[in-house]
């Protein structure tokens, strides 16, 4: 993403069980999620938003909560009933820039996710700053890999129509795209796994964050040392990518 594009983003931070998360939105939607503070150049002189660390609800309480039926909106993204896609004011209200409104929505919904109160994100994603391969694969991931589900790199490559005849296998290309995903958690590259294991994860402290998220969502059984307060070790270090 260019420096000019970064200058047009609204940034905020969120405390979470996996460490500090920073979020950037444009008026069009979510642009970045980082397992680190925002870039210094991006927040100089900007109005900051910070959300306190949510407390994850116990698994039994989350599983007992009724789940509303979801449907897919434009572009394949899952929506919850009553979502704001296409409604007047979805990209801003009088006196409030559209990017800041999108940021408020993103931080609120991430907090709800980590508190066990949200399984589907109702947020538009701004794909404009992403590469062509990212735009080919990541929307398919967002539309098809739901909460508590996993998909292999190879299966996602096939869903996205990646050819498997080049020097680099399509599954490996998919893994590279997951590793450069600018919007982890919301565009859920942690749900993409290898055929014989978890695969990689470059966000934050790495594979332990991926494992923690999959256990949190119920895609993996909890290990004896799994802690709902967050993975062991100094979370919150690293870059934006994952997968």
Protein backbone atom coordinates (compact mmCIF):
# COMPACT_ATOMS: atom_id res chain seq x y z
CA UNK A 1 0.00 0.00 0.00
CA UNK A 2 1.39 3.40 -0.93
CA UNK A 3 2.26 6.12 1.56
CA UNK A 4 -0.47 8.27 0.03
CA UNK A 5 -3.04 5.58 0.70
CA UNK A 6 -1.83 5.16 4.29
CA UNK A 7 -2.30 8.90 4.84
CA UNK A 8 -6.01 8.54 4.00
CA UNK A 9 -6.65 5.91 6.67
CA UNK A 10 -8.12 6.27 10.15
CA UNK A 11 -6.17 4.22 12.70
CA UNK A 12 -7.16 2.81 16.08
CA UNK A 13 -5.90 0.26 18.58
CA UNK A 14 -7.58 -2.60 20.38
CA UNK A 15 -6.42 -4.62 23.36
CA UNK A 16 -7.06 -8.33 22.82
CA UNK A 17 -6.12 -11.75 24.20
CA UNK A 18 -3.54 -12.03 21.38
CA UNK A 19 -1.94 -8.70 22.18
CA UNK A 20 -2.38 -5.16 20.96
CA UNK A 21 -4.07 -4.94 17.57
CA UNK A 22 -4.12 -1.86 15.39
CA UNK A 23 -6.80 -1.34 12.78
CA UNK A 24 -6.89 0.97 9.76
CA UNK A 25 -9.94 1.86 7.72
CA UNK A 26 -10.64 3.99 4.69
CA UNK A 27 -14.03 5.43 3.88
CA UNK A 28 -14.59 2.31 1.76
CA UNK A 29 -13.91 -0.16 4.56
CA UNK A 30 -11.30 -2.14 6.44
CA UNK A 31 -7.80 -1.73 5.03
CA UNK A 32 -5.34 -3.17 7.57
CA UNK A 33 -5.17 -5.18 10.79
CA UNK A 34 -1.77 -5.33 12.51
CA UNK A 35 -0.50 -7.35 15.47
CA UNK A 36 1.45 -4.25 16.46
CA UNK A 37 0.91 -0.54 17.10
CA UNK A 38 0.05 1.65 14.09
CA UNK A 39 2.95 3.07 12.10
CA UNK A 40 4.15 6.26 13.79
CA UNK A 41 3.79 8.21 10.55
CA UNK A 42 0.16 7.08 10.27
CA UNK A 43 -0.99 8.38 13.63
CA UNK A 44 0.94 11.64 13.93
CA UNK A 45 -1.68 14.32 14.45
CA UNK A 46 -4.54 11.86 14.03
CA UNK A 47 -7.44 11.37 16.43
CA UNK A 48 -6.73 8.08 18.19
CA UNK A 49 -9.19 5.43 19.23
CA UNK A 50 -8.38 2.80 21.83
CA UNK A 51 -10.62 -0.02 22.98
CA UNK A 52 -10.03 -1.95 26.21
CA UNK A 53 -9.11 -5.63 26.13
CA UNK A 54 -12.30 -7.73 25.98
CA UNK A 55 -12.74 -10.74 28.22
CA UNK A 56 -13.45 -13.95 26.30
CA UNK A 57 -16.60 -15.71 27.46
CA UNK A 58 -16.32 -19.36 28.53
CA UNK A 59 -16.76 -21.80 25.66
CA UNK A 60 -19.93 -23.30 27.14
CA UNK A 61 -21.56 -19.90 27.39
CA UNK A 62 -20.62 -19.04 23.82
CA UNK A 63 -21.88 -22.34 22.45
CA UNK A 64 -25.17 -21.94 24.32
CA UNK A 65 -25.88 -18.56 22.72
CA UNK A 66 -28.38 -18.74 19.86
CA UNK A 67 -26.81 -18.03 16.50
CA UNK A 68 -28.65 -15.95 13.96
CA UNK A 69 -28.83 -17.16 10.40
CA UNK A 70 -26.40 -15.39 8.10
CA UNK A 71 -26.51 -14.68 4.39
CA UNK A 72 -23.99 -13.48 1.87
CA UNK A 73 -24.02 -9.93 0.70
CA UNK A 74 -22.47 -8.27 -2.35
CA UNK A 75 -19.01 -9.63 -3.07
CA UNK A 76 -19.64 -12.82 -1.12
CA UNK A 77 -19.10 -11.40 2.36
CA UNK A 78 -21.24 -12.91 5.10
CA UNK A 79 -23.75 -10.60 6.71
CA UNK A 80 -25.80 -10.72 9.87
CA UNK A 81 -29.48 -9.82 9.86
CA UNK A 82 -29.85 -6.08 10.14
CA UNK A 83 -26.38 -5.35 8.77
CA UNK A 84 -25.60 -1.91 7.45
CA UNK A 85 -24.43 -2.82 3.95
CA UNK A 86 -26.05 -0.55 1.45
CA UNK A 87 -27.87 1.54 4.07
CA UNK A 88 -27.71 5.34 4.03
CA UNK A 89 -24.89 6.57 6.22
CA UNK A 90 -22.89 3.34 6.00
CA UNK A 91 -19.81 5.32 4.95
CA UNK A 92 -20.24 8.22 7.33
CA UNK A 93 -22.65 10.51 9.09
CA UNK A 94 -22.85 14.31 9.22
CA UNK A 95 -19.77 15.59 11.03
CA UNK A 96 -18.04 12.17 11.09
CA UNK A 97 -15.60 11.14 8.34
CA UNK A 98 -16.43 7.86 6.65
CA UNK A 99 -13.06 6.33 7.54
CA UNK A 100 -13.56 7.08 11.23
CA UNK A 101 -17.03 5.53 11.18
CA UNK A 102 -15.67 2.38 9.56
CA UNK A 103 -12.91 2.29 12.19
CA UNK A 104 -15.41 2.56 15.03
CA UNK A 105 -17.39 -0.35 13.57
CA UNK A 106 -14.26 -2.47 13.08
CA UNK A 107 -12.94 -1.93 16.63
CA UNK A 108 -16.37 -2.57 18.14
CA UNK A 109 -16.85 -5.79 16.20
CA UNK A 110 -13.35 -7.08 16.96
CA UNK A 111 -14.04 -6.48 20.65
CA UNK A 112 -17.29 -8.43 20.34
CA UNK A 113 -15.46 -11.26 18.56
CA UNK A 114 -12.86 -11.63 21.31
CA UNK A 115 -15.59 -11.44 23.96
CA UNK A 116 -17.32 -14.42 22.29
CA UNK A 117 -20.28 -12.29 21.23
CA UNK A 118 -19.74 -12.23 17.45
CA UNK A 119 -19.06 -14.97 14.92
CA UNK A 120 -19.61 -13.01 11.69
CA UNK A 121 -18.04 -9.64 10.88
CA UNK A 122 -20.39 -7.14 9.28
CA UNK A 123 -17.72 -4.93 7.71
CA UNK A 124 -16.86 -3.97 4.15
CA UNK A 125 -13.26 -4.60 3.16
CA UNK A 126 -11.35 -2.09 1.06
CA UNK A 127 -9.60 -4.36 -1.45
CA UNK A 128 -8.20 -1.46 -3.50
CA UNK A 129 -4.73 -1.44 -1.91
CA UNK A 130 -4.18 -5.19 -2.43
CA UNK A 131 -2.40 -7.04 -5.20
CA UNK A 132 -4.25 -8.90 -7.94
CA UNK A 133 -3.49 -12.33 -6.40
CA UNK A 134 -4.73 -11.10 -3.02
CA UNK A 135 -7.92 -9.78 -4.60
CA UNK A 136 -8.44 -13.14 -6.30
CA UNK A 137 -8.06 -15.32 -3.20
CA UNK A 138 -8.84 -13.29 -0.07
CA UNK A 139 -12.49 -12.45 -0.95
CA UNK A 140 -13.09 -16.17 -1.56
CA UNK A 141 -11.62 -16.95 1.84
CA UNK A 142 -13.80 -14.32 3.52
CA UNK A 143 -16.93 -15.64 1.84
CA UNK A 144 -16.36 -19.36 2.34
CA UNK A 145 -14.45 -20.06 5.57
CA UNK A 146 -16.79 -19.41 8.47
CA UNK A 147 -16.31 -19.33 12.23
CA UNK A 148 -15.18 -22.69 13.55
CA UNK A 149 -14.30 -23.97 10.06
CA UNK A 150 -10.97 -24.65 8.37
CA UNK A 151 -9.92 -25.08 4.76
CA UNK A 152 -6.63 -26.37 3.37
CA UNK A 153 -4.35 -24.23 1.23
CA UNK A 154 -5.00 -26.54 -1.72
CA UNK A 155 -8.76 -26.47 -1.33
CA UNK A 156 -8.79 -22.67 -1.10
CA UNK A 157 -6.62 -22.46 -4.21
CA UNK A 158 -9.17 -24.54 -6.10
CA UNK A 159 -12.08 -22.47 -4.80
CA UNK A 160 -10.32 -19.31 -5.99
CA UNK A 161 -9.49 -20.78 -9.39
CA UNK A 162 -5.71 -20.73 -9.05
CA UNK A 163 -4.04 -22.80 -11.75
CA UNK A 164 -1.76 -25.61 -10.56
CA UNK A 165 0.51 -25.89 -13.57
CA UNK A 166 3.23 -23.35 -12.83
CA UNK A 167 6.61 -23.66 -11.17
CA UNK A 168 5.07 -22.87 -7.78
CA UNK A 169 2.17 -25.13 -6.72
CA UNK A 170 -1.13 -23.33 -6.28
CA UNK A 171 -1.29 -24.37 -2.62
CA UNK A 172 2.06 -22.70 -1.97
CA UNK A 173 0.94 -19.56 -3.79
CA UNK A 174 -2.10 -19.53 -1.53
CA UNK A 175 0.15 -19.82 1.50
CA UNK A 176 2.17 -16.83 0.31
CA UNK A 177 -1.03 -14.83 -0.10
CA UNK A 178 -2.13 -15.80 3.41
CA UNK A 179 1.23 -14.65 4.75
CA UNK A 180 0.77 -11.24 3.17
CA UNK A 181 -2.90 -10.85 4.15
CA UNK A 182 -3.25 -7.22 5.32
CA UNK A 183 -6.48 -7.89 7.27
CA UNK A 184 -5.97 -11.00 9.43
CA UNK A 185 -8.68 -12.22 11.82
CA UNK A 186 -11.44 -10.44 9.87
CA UNK A 187 -10.23 -11.92 6.58
CA UNK A 188 -9.60 -15.21 8.38
CA UNK A 189 -6.31 -16.60 7.13
CA UNK A 190 -5.94 -18.37 10.50
CA UNK A 191 -8.62 -20.78 9.21
CA UNK A 192 -6.39 -21.91 6.32
CA UNK A 193 -4.35 -24.97 7.30
CA UNK A 194 -2.05 -27.52 5.74
CA UNK A 195 -3.24 -30.96 4.80
CA UNK A 196 -1.03 -32.47 7.50
CA UNK A 197 -1.08 -29.79 10.19
CA UNK A 198 -1.68 -26.15 11.00
CA UNK A 199 0.65 -24.71 8.38
CA UNK A 200 2.28 -21.36 9.03
CA UNK A 201 1.28 -18.07 10.56
CA UNK A 202 3.35 -14.89 10.47
CA UNK A 203 1.09 -12.59 12.50
CA UNK A 204 2.10 -11.60 16.01
CA UNK A 205 4.01 -14.37 17.78
CA UNK A 206 3.23 -16.78 14.97
CA UNK A 207 1.76 -20.25 15.04
CA UNK A 208 0.62 -20.08 18.68
CA UNK A 209 -1.74 -17.23 17.81
CA UNK A 210 -3.17 -19.32 14.97
CA UNK A 211 -3.61 -22.28 17.31
CA UNK A 212 -5.21 -20.07 19.98
CA UNK A 213 -7.70 -18.57 17.50
CA UNK A 214 -8.71 -21.98 16.14
CA UNK A 215 -9.26 -23.34 19.65
CA UNK A 216 -11.15 -20.17 20.60
CA UNK A 217 -13.48 -20.68 17.63
CA UNK A 218 -13.93 -24.39 18.32
CA UNK A 219 -12.17 -25.59 15.16
CA UNK A 220 -9.60 -27.41 17.31
CA UNK A 221 -10.10 -29.12 20.68
CA UNK A 222 -8.52 -27.20 23.56
CA UNK A 223 -5.13 -28.37 24.73
CA UNK A 224 -4.41 -28.84 28.42
CA UNK A 225 -2.42 -25.61 28.52
CA UNK A 226 -4.87 -23.52 26.46
CA UNK A 227 -5.61 -20.26 28.24
CA UNK A 228 -8.71 -18.21 27.26
CA UNK A 229 -6.81 -15.12 28.38
CA UNK A 230 -4.45 -15.55 25.43
CA UNK A 231 -1.53 -17.61 24.10
CA UNK A 232 1.62 -17.96 26.17
CA UNK A 233 4.49 -15.64 25.42
CA UNK A 234 4.80 -11.96 24.53
CA UNK A 235 1.83 -11.55 22.18
CA UNK A 236 1.46 -8.51 20.01
CA UNK A 237 4.83 -8.63 18.27
CA UNK A 238 5.25 -8.87 14.55
CA UNK A 239 3.61 -7.60 11.42
CA UNK A 240 0.30 -7.61 9.67
CA UNK A 241 0.39 -10.84 7.75
CA UNK A 242 -0.68 -14.23 8.93
CA UNK A 243 -1.72 -17.46 7.20
